[in-house]
Amino acid sequence: MQMYKTTLIRRLLLLATISIISCDSDPPMGVDYHVHIRSAEMAKQMEKLCGTLMRCPGDTVAFSDMLDVIPSFDSTAFQHAVILSMGYMASMPELRLDAESHKRLTRHENEFAISEASKSDKLSGFFSVNPLTDYAIEEAQYWMKMGNSSGLKLHLANSDFDFFNADHLQKLRSLLNVVDDPSMGILAHIRTRNPNYGTKDMEVFLTQVLPHTSKATWVIAHAGGWGGYDQATDSVLAQVIDAIHYGQIDKNRIYLDIAYVVLPEAAKRRLPYPRETLAAQEEKFVNRFRSLEISHWVFGSDWSPTNNTSEPYAYIEDLKNAGFEENELNDIIQNKLPFIR
């Protein structure tokens, strides 16, 4: 109870600092397109992973559900969130689960996320799967038949995907063929583990992957990177923006989210970079952001409740501190894509 009171007080204080929507305006339909929850079983697996890799900001990884998400909404900003299943974590090589175990955990996590999202009209649920697994097509067909998922979450880094592997490309295309539907979204963490990830990878995505869907709506997570804003992310983002401007891709079906591109203070303290470097990266991102029509951007916080990550309001403050204008943030959070029902 004390923890709940503390969290509530913190949220109220945070709301008091935010002036994104004036009091005399009609409240917008604010959407956070990038929120994660996790079942108790996935939390256990992730905690084991944290113990191995030593990359977690807290001591534990906790269970979270829709009751942790809904209280973050307020009529002044957000009324909807896209809940992304963390099923893609199940087959992550570092977890070292056998094939049957990660297949079972993938289904379990997808059922958990979709079930939680279905409890509120303020939530849309995405299932997730590693496209390289033998059960990827089966899992996608299952959720398309169920009809209660709004989209697919892809995480190509966790899936150990390689854009220059023909077999990987074919498996991804086959998966996309299953989910290519006007009612579906595809939110994709495009950046892979390739240490030289950059424009060549994005060129393969734009020319050999994206054309295999003609109906679904794409959201490229983290502006094409995986958090923060390094040179590789800037290069691929510039490439996507040029592709949109020059009509090389269907601009009505591809969007970018800004999740975790601007790093929160806690994350900055863990990085071995001077503050001047991080500030320069943020400035570069803001300038690049402004080179694309704002209608192509959507808001994402990459919030994972109970795991020391920034909830939507806190991330808005991070973005404002990085140089985003209030009117820009107003527009971003109100962008509503076709799969939001």
C-alpha atoms as a PDB file:
ATOM      1  CA  MET A   1       0.000   0.000   0.000  1.00  0.00           C
ATOM      2  CA  GLN A   2       2.822   2.394   0.881  1.00  0.00           C
ATOM      3  CA  MET A   3       4.492   1.707  -2.480  1.00  0.00           C
ATOM      4  CA  TYR A   4       1.205   2.453  -4.267  1.00  0.00           C
ATOM      5  CA  LYS A   5       0.825   5.758  -2.396  1.00  0.00           C
ATOM      6  CA  THR A   6       4.386   6.755  -3.236  1.00  0.00           C
ATOM      7  CA  THR A   7       3.853   5.964  -6.908  1.00  0.00           C
ATOM      8  CA  LEU A   8       0.579   7.880  -6.969  1.00  0.00           C
ATOM      9  CA  ILE A   9       2.148  10.941  -5.354  1.00  0.00           C
ATOM     10  CA  ARG A  10       5.038  10.814  -7.834  1.00  0.00           C
ATOM     11  CA  ARG A  11       2.617  10.674 -10.756  1.00  0.00           C
ATOM     12  CA  LEU A  12       0.589  13.602  -9.441  1.00  0.00           C
ATOM     13  CA  LEU A  13       3.709  15.686  -8.981  1.00  0.00           C
ATOM     14  CA  LEU A  14       4.844  14.794 -12.471  1.00  0.00           C
ATOM     15  CA  LEU A  15       1.486  15.749 -13.942  1.00  0.00           C
ATOM     16  CA  ALA A  16       1.725  19.124 -12.238  1.00  0.00           C
ATOM     17  CA  THR A  17       4.921  19.904 -14.161  1.00  0.00           C
ATOM     18  CA  ILE A  18       3.512  19.115 -17.595  1.00  0.00           C
ATOM     19  CA  SER A  19       1.768  21.757 -19.658  1.00  0.00           C
ATOM     20  CA  ILE A  20       1.581  20.048 -23.013  1.00  0.00           C
ATOM     21  CA  ILE A  21      -2.150  20.586 -23.409  1.00  0.00           C
ATOM     22  CA  SER A  22      -3.649  23.849 -22.210  1.00  0.00           C
ATOM     23  CA  CYS A  23      -6.524  23.694 -19.775  1.00  0.00           C
ATOM     24  CA  ASP A  24      -8.969  25.290 -22.201  1.00  0.00           C
ATOM     25  CA  SER A  25      -8.304  22.769 -24.976  1.00  0.00           C
ATOM     26  CA  ASP A  26     -10.251  19.636 -25.704  1.00  0.00           C
ATOM     27  CA  PRO A  27      -8.245  16.622 -24.534  1.00  0.00           C
ATOM     28  CA  PRO A  28      -6.556  14.793 -27.424  1.00  0.00           C
ATOM     29  CA  MET A  29      -6.504  11.099 -28.178  1.00  0.00           C
ATOM     30  CA  GLY A  30      -2.954  10.630 -26.954  1.00  0.00           C
ATOM     31  CA  VAL A  31      -1.305   7.307 -27.821  1.00  0.00           C
ATOM     32  CA  ASP A  32       1.858   5.683 -26.499  1.00  0.00           C
ATOM     33  CA  TYR A  33       2.855   3.146 -29.147  1.00  0.00           C
ATOM     34  CA  HIS A  34       5.646   1.471 -27.205  1.00  0.00           C
ATOM     35  CA  VAL A  35       4.802  -0.039 -23.805  1.00  0.00           C
ATOM     36  CA  HIS A  36       5.918  -3.423 -22.448  1.00  0.00           C
ATOM     37  CA  ILE A  37       4.421  -5.617 -19.753  1.00  0.00           C
ATOM     38  CA  ARG A  38       5.688  -9.023 -18.674  1.00  0.00           C
ATOM     39  CA  SER A  39       4.281 -12.101 -17.030  1.00  0.00           C
ATOM     40  CA  ALA A  40       5.754 -13.508 -13.842  1.00  0.00           C
ATOM     41  CA  GLU A  41       7.397 -16.275 -15.856  1.00  0.00           C
ATOM     42  CA  MET A  42       9.039 -13.855 -18.280  1.00  0.00           C
ATOM     43  CA  ALA A  43      10.142 -11.666 -15.384  1.00  0.00           C
ATOM     44  CA  LYS A  44      11.892 -14.675 -13.900  1.00  0.00           C
ATOM     45  CA  GLN A  45      13.684 -15.402 -17.163  1.00  0.00           C
ATOM     46  CA  MET A  46      14.720 -11.776 -17.597  1.00  0.00           C
ATOM     47  CA  GLU A  47      16.045 -11.602 -14.068  1.00  0.00           C
ATOM     48  CA  LYS A  48      18.175 -14.638 -14.827  1.00  0.00           C
ATOM     49  CA  LEU A  49      19.408 -12.878 -17.943  1.00  0.00           C
ATOM     50  CA  CYS A  50      20.232  -9.740 -15.964  1.00  0.00           C
ATOM     51  CA  GLY A  51      22.282 -11.792 -13.561  1.00  0.00           C
ATOM     52  CA  THR A  52      24.284 -13.102 -16.504  1.00  0.00           C
ATOM     53  CA  LEU A  53      24.760  -9.900 -18.484  1.00  0.00           C
ATOM     54  CA  MET A  54      24.742  -7.354 -15.634  1.00  0.00           C
ATOM     55  CA  ARG A  55      22.773  -4.867 -17.739  1.00  0.00           C
ATOM     56  CA  CYS A  56      19.668  -4.270 -15.675  1.00  0.00           C
ATOM     57  CA  PRO A  57      19.208  -0.901 -13.952  1.00  0.00           C
ATOM     58  CA  GLY A  58      17.537  -2.403 -10.872  1.00  0.00           C
ATOM     59  CA  ASP A  59      18.065  -5.377  -8.611  1.00  0.00           C
ATOM     60  CA  THR A  60      15.047  -7.293  -9.872  1.00  0.00           C
ATOM     61  CA  VAL A  61      12.787  -7.600 -12.871  1.00  0.00           C
ATOM     62  CA  ALA A  62       9.180  -7.499 -11.765  1.00  0.00           C
ATOM     63  CA  PHE A  63       5.886  -8.794 -13.099  1.00  0.00           C
ATOM     64  CA  SER A  64       3.636  -6.088 -14.581  1.00  0.00           C
ATOM     65  CA  ASP A  65       0.145  -6.031 -16.026  1.00  0.00           C
ATOM     66  CA  MET A  66      -2.484  -3.646 -17.366  1.00  0.00           C
ATOM     67  CA  LEU A  67      -3.183  -2.325 -13.849  1.00  0.00           C
ATOM     68  CA  ASP A  68       0.339  -0.894 -13.879  1.00  0.00           C
ATOM     69  CA  VAL A  69      -0.303   0.853 -17.196  1.00  0.00           C
ATOM     70  CA  ILE A  70      -3.782   2.371 -16.917  1.00  0.00           C
ATOM     71  CA  PRO A  71      -2.993   4.702 -13.952  1.00  0.00           C
ATOM     72  CA  SER A  72      -0.355   6.454 -16.080  1.00  0.00           C
ATOM     73  CA  PHE A  73      -3.071   7.856 -18.333  1.00  0.00           C
ATOM     74  CA  ASP A  74      -4.717  11.201 -17.769  1.00  0.00           C
ATOM     75  CA  SER A  75      -7.151  13.213 -19.858  1.00  0.00           C
ATOM     76  CA  THR A  76      -4.478  15.864 -20.406  1.00  0.00           C
ATOM     77  CA  ALA A  77      -2.320  13.611 -22.552  1.00  0.00           C
ATOM     78  CA  PHE A  78      -2.696   9.841 -22.976  1.00  0.00           C
ATOM     79  CA  GLN A  79      -5.778   7.731 -23.366  1.00  0.00           C
ATOM     80  CA  HIS A  80      -4.324   4.755 -25.180  1.00  0.00           C
ATOM     81  CA  ALA A  81      -1.273   2.508 -25.190  1.00  0.00           C
ATOM     82  CA  VAL A  82       0.007  -0.260 -27.431  1.00  0.00           C
ATOM     83  CA  ILE A  83       1.034  -3.203 -25.268  1.00  0.00           C
ATOM     84  CA  LEU A  84       3.892  -5.101 -26.882  1.00  0.00           C
ATOM     85  CA  SER A  85       4.335  -8.740 -25.970  1.00  0.00           C
ATOM     86  CA  MET A  86       7.817  -9.673 -24.833  1.00  0.00           C
ATOM     87  CA  GLY A  87       7.479 -13.077 -26.458  1.00  0.00           C
ATOM     88  CA  TYR A  88      10.444 -12.203 -28.660  1.00  0.00           C
ATOM     89  CA  MET A  89      12.661 -12.554 -25.575  1.00  0.00           C
ATOM     90  CA  ALA A  90      11.880 -16.262 -25.230  1.00  0.00           C
ATOM     91  CA  SER A  91      14.179 -17.417 -28.029  1.00  0.00           C
ATOM     92  CA  MET A  92      16.964 -14.961 -27.254  1.00  0.00           C
ATOM     93  CA  PRO A  93      20.187 -17.016 -27.478  1.00  0.00           C
ATOM     94  CA  GLU A  94      21.411 -15.787 -24.097  1.00  0.00           C
ATOM     95  CA  LEU A  95      18.460 -17.393 -22.310  1.00  0.00           C
ATOM     96  CA  ARG A  96      19.666 -20.814 -23.467  1.00  0.00           C
ATOM     97  CA  LEU A  97      16.213 -22.376 -23.492  1.00  0.00           C
ATOM     98  CA  ASP A  98      15.584 -25.453 -25.582  1.00  0.00           C
ATOM     99  CA  ALA A  99      13.312 -25.125 -28.602  1.00  0.00           C
ATOM    100  CA  GLU A 100      10.219 -26.528 -26.917  1.00  0.00           C
ATOM    101  CA  SER A 101      10.663 -24.301 -23.866  1.00  0.00           C
ATOM    102  CA  HIS A 102      10.994 -21.079 -25.797  1.00  0.00           C
ATOM    103  CA  LYS A 103       8.066 -22.038 -28.019  1.00  0.00           C
ATOM    104  CA  ARG A 104       5.918 -22.543 -24.930  1.00  0.00           C
ATOM    105  CA  LEU A 105       7.162 -19.307 -23.321  1.00  0.00           C
ATOM    106  CA  THR A 106       6.494 -17.345 -26.515  1.00  0.00           C
ATOM    107  CA  ARG A 107       2.865 -18.492 -26.574  1.00  0.00           C
ATOM    108  CA  HIS A 108       2.509 -17.878 -22.841  1.00  0.00           C
ATOM    109  CA  GLU A 109       3.811 -14.336 -23.123  1.00  0.00           C
ATOM    110  CA  ASN A 110       1.678 -13.539 -26.144  1.00  0.00           C
ATOM    111  CA  GLU A 111      -1.434 -14.824 -24.387  1.00  0.00           C
ATOM    112  CA  PHE A 112      -0.569 -12.747 -21.341  1.00  0.00           C
ATOM    113  CA  ALA A 113      -0.067  -9.495 -23.282  1.00  0.00           C
ATOM    114  CA  ILE A 114      -3.127  -9.900 -25.512  1.00  0.00           C
ATOM    115  CA  SER A 115      -5.311 -10.957 -22.584  1.00  0.00           C
ATOM    116  CA  GLU A 116      -4.245  -7.970 -20.492  1.00  0.00           C
ATOM    117  CA  ALA A 117      -4.771  -5.555 -23.387  1.00  0.00           C
ATOM    118  CA  SER A 118      -8.267  -6.950 -24.015  1.00  0.00           C
ATOM    119  CA  LYS A 119      -9.347  -5.917 -20.511  1.00  0.00           C
ATOM    120  CA  SER A 120      -9.469  -2.232 -21.448  1.00  0.00           C
ATOM    121  CA  ASP A 121     -10.490  -0.241 -24.511  1.00  0.00           C
ATOM    122  CA  LYS A 122      -7.524   1.980 -23.674  1.00  0.00           C
ATOM    123  CA  LEU A 123      -5.116  -0.736 -24.761  1.00  0.00           C
ATOM    124  CA  SER A 124      -4.173  -2.480 -28.001  1.00  0.00           C
ATOM    125  CA  GLY A 125      -2.151  -5.702 -27.839  1.00  0.00           C
ATOM    126  CA  PHE A 126       0.621  -6.894 -30.140  1.00  0.00           C
ATOM    127  CA  PHE A 127       1.874 -10.467 -30.190  1.00  0.00           C
ATOM    128  CA  SER A 128       5.548 -11.148 -30.831  1.00  0.00           C
ATOM    129  CA  VAL A 129       7.667 -13.912 -32.285  1.00  0.00           C
ATOM    130  CA  ASN A 130      11.209 -14.516 -33.467  1.00  0.00           C
ATOM    131  CA  PRO A 131      10.871 -14.851 -37.265  1.00  0.00           C
ATOM    132  CA  LEU A 132      13.735 -17.348 -37.386  1.00  0.00           C
ATOM    133  CA  THR A 133      12.063 -19.967 -35.190  1.00  0.00           C
ATOM    134  CA  ASP A 134      10.394 -23.049 -36.638  1.00  0.00           C
ATOM    135  CA  TYR A 135       7.084 -22.079 -35.022  1.00  0.00           C
ATOM    136  CA  ALA A 136       6.975 -18.427 -36.164  1.00  0.00           C
ATOM    137  CA  ILE A 137       4.411 -19.010 -38.927  1.00  0.00           C
ATOM    138  CA  GLU A 138       2.262 -21.214 -36.700  1.00  0.00           C
ATOM    139  CA  GLU A 139       2.257 -18.579 -33.954  1.00  0.00           C
ATOM    140  CA  ALA A 140       1.341 -15.794 -36.367  1.00  0.00           C
ATOM    141  CA  GLN A 141      -1.451 -17.848 -37.932  1.00  0.00           C
ATOM    142  CA  TYR A 142      -2.818 -18.574 -34.473  1.00  0.00           C
ATOM    143  CA  TRP A 143      -3.109 -14.899 -33.568  1.00  0.00           C
ATOM    144  CA  MET A 144      -4.484 -13.885 -36.943  1.00  0.00           C
ATOM    145  CA  LYS A 145      -7.180 -16.528 -36.513  1.00  0.00           C
ATOM    146  CA  MET A 146      -7.919 -15.364 -32.960  1.00  0.00           C
ATOM    147  CA  GLY A 147      -8.511 -11.855 -34.268  1.00  0.00           C
ATOM    148  CA  ASN A 148      -7.823 -10.088 -30.977  1.00  0.00           C
ATOM    149  CA  SER A 149      -4.321  -8.829 -31.734  1.00  0.00           C
ATOM    150  CA  SER A 150      -3.697  -5.429 -33.289  1.00  0.00           C
ATOM    151  CA  GLY A 151      -0.247  -6.216 -34.605  1.00  0.00           C
ATOM    152  CA  LEU A 152       3.125  -7.910 -34.544  1.00  0.00           C
ATOM    153  CA  LYS A 153       6.174  -6.812 -32.564  1.00  0.00           C
ATOM    154  CA  LEU A 154       9.488  -7.697 -34.214  1.00  0.00           C
ATOM    155  CA  HIS A 155      12.805  -7.394 -32.419  1.00  0.00           C
ATOM    156  CA  LEU A 156      15.521  -8.262 -34.914  1.00  0.00           C
ATOM    157  CA  ALA A 157      18.416  -7.822 -32.488  1.00  0.00           C
ATOM    158  CA  ASN A 158      16.967 -10.216 -29.912  1.00  0.00           C
ATOM    159  CA  SER A 159      16.127 -12.604 -32.753  1.00  0.00           C
ATOM    160  CA  ASP A 160      19.776 -12.555 -33.905  1.00  0.00           C
ATOM    161  CA  PHE A 161      18.554 -11.640 -37.388  1.00  0.00           C
ATOM    162  CA  ASP A 162      20.964 -10.922 -40.245  1.00  0.00           C
ATOM    163  CA  PHE A 163      19.801  -8.850 -43.232  1.00  0.00           C
ATOM    164  CA  PHE A 164      22.526 -10.434 -45.359  1.00  0.00           C
ATOM    165  CA  ASN A 165      21.437 -14.011 -44.723  1.00  0.00           C
ATOM    166  CA  ALA A 166      19.115 -15.200 -47.494  1.00  0.00           C
ATOM    167  CA  ASP A 167      17.459 -17.796 -45.265  1.00  0.00           C
ATOM    168  CA  HIS A 168      16.729 -15.173 -42.609  1.00  0.00           C
ATOM    169  CA  LEU A 169      15.178 -12.879 -45.206  1.00  0.00           C
ATOM    170  CA  GLN A 170      12.951 -15.624 -46.560  1.00  0.00           C
ATOM    171  CA  LYS A 171      11.717 -16.575 -43.102  1.00  0.00           C
ATOM    172  CA  LEU A 172      10.922 -12.944 -42.287  1.00  0.00           C
ATOM    173  CA  ARG A 173       9.051 -12.473 -45.565  1.00  0.00           C
ATOM    174  CA  SER A 174       7.006 -15.617 -44.936  1.00  0.00           C
ATOM    175  CA  LEU A 175       6.016 -14.323 -41.515  1.00  0.00           C
ATOM    176  CA  LEU A 176       5.061 -10.936 -42.904  1.00  0.00           C
ATOM    177  CA  ASN A 177       2.852 -12.548 -45.534  1.00  0.00           C
ATOM    178  CA  VAL A 178       0.744 -14.007 -42.721  1.00  0.00           C
ATOM    179  CA  VAL A 179       0.184 -10.700 -40.899  1.00  0.00           C
ATOM    180  CA  ASP A 180      -0.170  -8.407 -43.917  1.00  0.00           C
ATOM    181  CA  ASP A 181      -3.649  -7.097 -43.226  1.00  0.00           C
ATOM    182  CA  PRO A 182      -5.093  -3.532 -43.119  1.00  0.00           C
ATOM    183  CA  SER A 183      -6.107  -4.028 -39.489  1.00  0.00           C
ATOM    184  CA  MET A 184      -2.593  -4.958 -38.383  1.00  0.00           C
ATOM    185  CA  GLY A 185       0.425  -2.959 -37.333  1.00  0.00           C
ATOM    186  CA  ILE A 186       4.038  -4.107 -37.405  1.00  0.00           C
ATOM    187  CA  LEU A 187       6.219  -2.403 -34.841  1.00  0.00           C
ATOM    188  CA  ALA A 188       9.787  -3.340 -35.629  1.00  0.00           C
ATOM    189  CA  HIS A 189      13.075  -2.934 -33.840  1.00  0.00           C
ATOM    190  CA  ILE A 190      15.066  -2.929 -37.075  1.00  0.00           C
ATOM    191  CA  ARG A 191      18.601  -2.606 -35.717  1.00  0.00           C
ATOM    192  CA  THR A 192      20.398  -5.940 -35.569  1.00  0.00           C
ATOM    193  CA  ARG A 193      23.471  -7.173 -33.725  1.00  0.00           C
ATOM    194  CA  ASN A 194      25.593  -6.476 -36.769  1.00  0.00           C
ATOM    195  CA  PRO A 195      28.441  -4.284 -35.399  1.00  0.00           C
ATOM    196  CA  ASN A 196      28.500  -2.500 -38.757  1.00  0.00           C
ATOM    197  CA  TYR A 197      24.727  -1.927 -38.852  1.00  0.00           C
ATOM    198  CA  GLY A 198      23.925   1.013 -41.066  1.00  0.00           C
ATOM    199  CA  THR A 199      22.671   2.093 -44.457  1.00  0.00           C
ATOM    200  CA  LYS A 200      23.312  -1.256 -46.171  1.00  0.00           C
ATOM    201  CA  ASP A 201      21.077  -3.022 -43.649  1.00  0.00           C
ATOM    202  CA  MET A 202      18.356  -0.426 -44.055  1.00  0.00           C
ATOM    203  CA  GLU A 203      18.607  -0.658 -47.831  1.00  0.00           C
ATOM    204  CA  VAL A 204      17.841  -4.382 -47.600  1.00  0.00           C
ATOM    205  CA  PHE A 205      14.886  -3.653 -45.336  1.00  0.00           C
ATOM    206  CA  LEU A 206      13.479  -0.977 -47.632  1.00  0.00           C
ATOM    207  CA  THR A 207      13.925  -2.929 -50.871  1.00  0.00           C
ATOM    208  CA  GLN A 208      13.645  -6.591 -49.893  1.00  0.00           C
ATOM    209  CA  VAL A 209      11.434  -6.662 -46.787  1.00  0.00           C
ATOM    210  CA  LEU A 210       9.028  -3.730 -46.819  1.00  0.00           C
ATOM    211  CA  PRO A 211       7.671  -4.482 -50.331  1.00  0.00           C
ATOM    212  CA  HIS A 212       6.454  -7.873 -49.081  1.00  0.00           C
ATOM    213  CA  THR A 213       3.691  -6.129 -47.155  1.00  0.00           C
ATOM    214  CA  SER A 214       1.186  -3.951 -48.957  1.00  0.00           C
ATOM    215  CA  LYS A 215      -1.572  -3.604 -46.360  1.00  0.00           C
ATOM    216  CA  ALA A 216      -0.179  -3.523 -42.808  1.00  0.00           C
ATOM    217  CA  THR A 217       1.083  -0.319 -41.190  1.00  0.00           C
ATOM    218  CA  TRP A 218       4.740  -0.236 -40.136  1.00  0.00           C
ATOM    219  CA  VAL A 219       6.242   1.584 -37.178  1.00  0.00           C
ATOM    220  CA  ILE A 220      10.043   1.636 -37.057  1.00  0.00           C
ATOM    221  CA  ALA A 221      11.010   1.663 -33.385  1.00  0.00           C
ATOM    222  CA  HIS A 222      13.669   3.892 -31.851  1.00  0.00           C
ATOM    223  CA  ALA A 223      13.922   5.935 -35.085  1.00  0.00           C
ATOM    224  CA  GLY A 224      15.784   3.026 -36.673  1.00  0.00           C
ATOM    225  CA  GLY A 225      18.231   2.409 -33.825  1.00  0.00           C
ATOM    226  CA  TRP A 226      17.986   0.654 -30.487  1.00  0.00           C
ATOM    227  CA  GLY A 227      18.019   3.551 -28.049  1.00  0.00           C
ATOM    228  CA  GLY A 228      20.171   6.622 -27.864  1.00  0.00           C
ATOM    229  CA  TYR A 229      21.335   8.348 -31.033  1.00  0.00           C
ATOM    230  CA  ASP A 230      24.655   7.299 -32.494  1.00  0.00           C
ATOM    231  CA  GLN A 231      25.985   7.753 -36.014  1.00  0.00           C
ATOM    232  CA  ALA A 232      24.506   4.478 -37.252  1.00  0.00           C
ATOM    233  CA  THR A 233      21.023   5.523 -36.129  1.00  0.00           C
ATOM    234  CA  ASP A 234      21.399   8.945 -37.736  1.00  0.00           C
ATOM    235  CA  SER A 235      22.493   7.382 -41.022  1.00  0.00           C
ATOM    236  CA  VAL A 236      19.604   4.937 -41.293  1.00  0.00           C
ATOM    237  CA  LEU A 237      17.072   7.542 -40.164  1.00  0.00           C
ATOM    238  CA  ALA A 238      18.274   9.910 -42.873  1.00  0.00           C
ATOM    239  CA  GLN A 239      17.901   7.062 -45.345  1.00  0.00           C
ATOM    240  CA  VAL A 240      14.296   6.355 -44.328  1.00  0.00           C
ATOM    241  CA  ILE A 241      13.436  10.043 -44.476  1.00  0.00           C
ATOM    242  CA  ASP A 242      14.877  10.304 -47.999  1.00  0.00           C
ATOM    243  CA  ALA A 243      12.945   7.203 -49.067  1.00  0.00           C
ATOM    244  CA  ILE A 244       9.724   8.821 -47.857  1.00  0.00           C
ATOM    245  CA  HIS A 245      10.477  12.206 -49.422  1.00  0.00           C
ATOM    246  CA  TYR A 246      11.398  10.740 -52.813  1.00  0.00           C
ATOM    247  CA  GLY A 247       8.506   8.301 -52.952  1.00  0.00           C
ATOM    248  CA  GLN A 248      10.687   5.193 -52.851  1.00  0.00           C
ATOM    249  CA  ILE A 249       8.312   3.611 -50.320  1.00  0.00           C
ATOM    250  CA  ASP A 250       4.606   3.946 -49.593  1.00  0.00           C
ATOM    251  CA  LYS A 251       4.678   6.883 -47.202  1.00  0.00           C
ATOM    252  CA  ASN A 252       1.140   6.150 -46.016  1.00  0.00           C
ATOM    253  CA  ARG A 253       2.196   2.882 -44.413  1.00  0.00           C
ATOM    254  CA  ILE A 254       5.442   3.690 -42.623  1.00  0.00           C
ATOM    255  CA  TYR A 255       6.001   5.679 -39.447  1.00  0.00           C
ATOM    256  CA  LEU A 256       8.742   6.076 -36.866  1.00  0.00           C
ATOM    257  CA  ASP A 257       8.562   6.155 -33.104  1.00  0.00           C
ATOM    258  CA  ILE A 258      10.831   8.186 -30.840  1.00  0.00           C
ATOM    259  CA  ALA A 259      11.008   5.624 -28.036  1.00  0.00           C
ATOM    260  CA  TYR A 260      14.167   5.898 -25.937  1.00  0.00           C
ATOM    261  CA  VAL A 261      16.045   7.878 -28.582  1.00  0.00           C
ATOM    262  CA  VAL A 262      16.490  10.612 -26.001  1.00  0.00           C
ATOM    263  CA  LEU A 263      17.940   8.879 -22.977  1.00  0.00           C
ATOM    264  CA  PRO A 264      16.599   9.501 -19.464  1.00  0.00           C
ATOM    265  CA  GLU A 265      18.966  10.828 -16.843  1.00  0.00           C
ATOM    266  CA  ALA A 266      19.447   7.458 -15.159  1.00  0.00           C
ATOM    267  CA  ALA A 267      20.570   5.889 -18.441  1.00  0.00           C
ATOM    268  CA  LYS A 268      22.961   8.737 -19.192  1.00  0.00           C
ATOM    269  CA  ARG A 269      24.717   8.233 -15.880  1.00  0.00           C
ATOM    270  CA  ARG A 270      25.503   4.647 -16.848  1.00  0.00           C
ATOM    271  CA  LEU A 271      27.143   5.570 -20.144  1.00  0.00           C
ATOM    272  CA  PRO A 272      30.881   6.238 -20.535  1.00  0.00           C
ATOM    273  CA  TYR A 273      30.305   9.359 -22.655  1.00  0.00           C
ATOM    274  CA  PRO A 274      30.780  13.038 -21.787  1.00  0.00           C
ATOM    275  CA  ARG A 275      27.576  15.028 -21.345  1.00  0.00           C
ATOM    276  CA  GLU A 276      28.641  17.244 -24.224  1.00  0.00           C
ATOM    277  CA  THR A 277      28.620  14.220 -26.548  1.00  0.00           C
ATOM    278  CA  LEU A 278      25.150  13.150 -25.450  1.00  0.00           C
ATOM    279  CA  ALA A 279      23.827  16.708 -25.798  1.00  0.00           C
ATOM    280  CA  ALA A 280      25.238  16.928 -29.327  1.00  0.00           C
ATOM    281  CA  GLN A 281      23.569  13.633 -30.243  1.00  0.00           C
ATOM    282  CA  GLU A 282      20.216  14.872 -28.937  1.00  0.00           C
ATOM    283  CA  GLU A 283      20.526  18.099 -30.889  1.00  0.00           C
ATOM    284  CA  LYS A 284      21.336  16.143 -34.036  1.00  0.00           C
ATOM    285  CA  PHE A 285      18.284  13.954 -33.512  1.00  0.00           C
ATOM    286  CA  VAL A 286      15.955  16.920 -32.978  1.00  0.00           C
ATOM    287  CA  ASN A 287      17.210  18.496 -36.205  1.00  0.00           C
ATOM    288  CA  ARG A 288      16.827  15.233 -38.117  1.00  0.00           C
ATOM    289  CA  PHE A 289      13.351  14.769 -36.643  1.00  0.00           C
ATOM    290  CA  ARG A 290      12.319  18.157 -38.017  1.00  0.00           C
ATOM    291  CA  SER A 291      13.382  17.196 -41.538  1.00  0.00           C
ATOM    292  CA  LEU A 292      10.395  14.814 -41.791  1.00  0.00           C
ATOM    293  CA  GLU A 293       6.738  15.739 -41.700  1.00  0.00           C
ATOM    294  CA  ILE A 294       5.474  15.351 -38.150  1.00  0.00           C
ATOM    295  CA  SER A 295       2.613  13.155 -39.359  1.00  0.00           C
ATOM    296  CA  HIS A 296       5.166  10.355 -39.845  1.00  0.00           C
ATOM    297  CA  TRP A 297       6.210  10.356 -36.188  1.00  0.00           C
ATOM    298  CA  VAL A 298       4.446   8.635 -33.310  1.00  0.00           C
ATOM    299  CA  PHE A 299       5.117   8.766 -29.602  1.00  0.00           C
ATOM    300  CA  GLY A 300       6.681   5.838 -27.797  1.00  0.00           C
ATOM    301  CA  SER A 301       8.049   5.769 -24.280  1.00  0.00           C
ATOM    302  CA  ASP A 302       9.478   2.215 -24.238  1.00  0.00           C
ATOM    303  CA  TRP A 303       8.030   2.152 -20.739  1.00  0.00           C
ATOM    304  CA  SER A 304       8.133  -1.106 -18.842  1.00  0.00           C
ATOM    305  CA  PRO A 305       6.236  -0.631 -15.561  1.00  0.00           C
ATOM    306  CA  THR A 306       7.970  -1.597 -12.325  1.00  0.00           C
ATOM    307  CA  ASN A 307      11.368  -1.811 -14.030  1.00  0.00           C
ATOM    308  CA  ASN A 308      12.881   1.646 -13.467  1.00  0.00           C
ATOM    309  CA  THR A 309      12.106   2.911 -16.975  1.00  0.00           C
ATOM    310  CA  SER A 310      10.465   6.240 -17.806  1.00  0.00           C
ATOM    311  CA  GLU A 311       6.711   6.286 -17.963  1.00  0.00           C
ATOM    312  CA  PRO A 312       5.153   8.470 -20.683  1.00  0.00           C
ATOM    313  CA  TYR A 313       5.008  11.724 -18.730  1.00  0.00           C
ATOM    314  CA  ALA A 314       8.613  11.468 -17.618  1.00  0.00           C
ATOM    315  CA  TYR A 315       9.760  10.783 -21.153  1.00  0.00           C
ATOM    316  CA  ILE A 316       7.909  13.842 -22.384  1.00  0.00           C
ATOM    317  CA  GLU A 317      10.004  15.892 -19.974  1.00  0.00           C
ATOM    318  CA  ASP A 318      13.163  14.240 -21.305  1.00  0.00           C
ATOM    319  CA  LEU A 319      12.142  15.187 -24.838  1.00  0.00           C
ATOM    320  CA  LYS A 320      11.409  18.770 -23.850  1.00  0.00           C
ATOM    321  CA  ASN A 321      14.786  19.042 -22.156  1.00  0.00           C
ATOM    322  CA  ALA A 322      16.408  17.779 -25.366  1.00  0.00           C
ATOM    323  CA  GLY A 323      14.845  20.611 -27.374  1.00  0.00           C
ATOM    324  CA  PHE A 324      11.457  19.374 -28.544  1.00  0.00           C
ATOM    325  CA  GLU A 325       8.769  22.045 -28.669  1.00  0.00           C
ATOM    326  CA  GLU A 326       5.448  21.558 -26.906  1.00  0.00           C
ATOM    327  CA  ASN A 327       3.496  21.910 -30.138  1.00  0.00           C
ATOM    328  CA  GLU A 328       5.622  19.154 -31.712  1.00  0.00           C
ATOM    329  CA  LEU A 329       4.929  16.834 -28.803  1.00  0.00           C
ATOM    330  CA  ASN A 330       1.234  17.702 -28.936  1.00  0.00           C
ATOM    331  CA  ASP A 331       1.102  16.604 -32.551  1.00  0.00           C
ATOM    332  CA  ILE A 332       3.145  13.438 -32.036  1.00  0.00           C
ATOM    333  CA  ILE A 333       1.073  12.041 -29.222  1.00  0.00           C
ATOM    334  CA  GLN A 334      -2.140  12.663 -31.168  1.00  0.00           C
ATOM    335  CA  ASN A 335      -1.077  10.756 -34.277  1.00  0.00           C
ATOM    336  CA  LYS A 336      -3.454   7.824 -34.529  1.00  0.00           C
ATOM    337  CA  LEU A 337      -2.633   4.925 -36.841  1.00  0.00           C
ATOM    338  CA  PRO A 338      -5.187   2.576 -38.489  1.00  0.00           C
ATOM    339  CA  PHE A 339      -4.608  -0.374 -36.147  1.00  0.00           C
ATOM    340  CA  ILE A 340      -5.707   1.622 -33.069  1.00  0.00           C
ATOM    341  CA  ARG A 341      -9.262   0.445 -32.502  1.00  0.00           C
END
